[in-house]
């Protein structure tokens, strides 16, 4: 019976995600579902990206968290439009939450919508939000065996951002080992090594954003 209930929840979410996908296509939006464990640097990466690309690309951000509007305030301080969703203990965002947030945010005059999901490496990957791509952040302050322990989220992602690489001299983390585990479950995964706080390696991420937006609009 529990399996049936879970299936119904996922089917209902998928129907909402399909409607979101049609809405995003009408607006010509590139939509990314940004996922990671807590403390990996999602919001810091967003702040750096939104600040560096201000005046070049128009961003909207939906922030997902269990409590507080702290992250939405940090993002809004960059000048980007931002809406906060508080799940009050829920471990992921779903398509209904994102649909309501989009109505509040407004999608006109945007190029890229980034949905920062609730921090964990399990639930968020199971729920489609109508996104074009899932992007997972793994920081070097976590174990390099995370892709082996949590393979599903890496199997569903198009990009893995290996963050905080400026800390590599101080932590026991092997980037080659982490990449090998991730590509074992997703050979097509693109991996970019970055340090969001210092800006190291971020140009490669920005180039991917521009290419992906061009590809999305060329396909309309």
Foldseek 3Di string as FASTA:
>chain_A
DVVVVVVVVQVVLVVLLVVVLVVCLVQLAAEEEEAAAPPLCPLLLLLLVLQVCPVPFAEEEEEEEQDDCVSQVSNVVSVHQYHYDHPVPDQWDTQVSVVVRCVVRPRHPHHYYYYYIYHDLAPHLSHRNNHPFYEYEDEQVDELCVCVVRVSSLLRGQEYEHEPVVCVVPGPYDPVSSVVSSCVNPVNHHYFYAYSNVGPRCVVVVVVVVVVSVVSNVVD
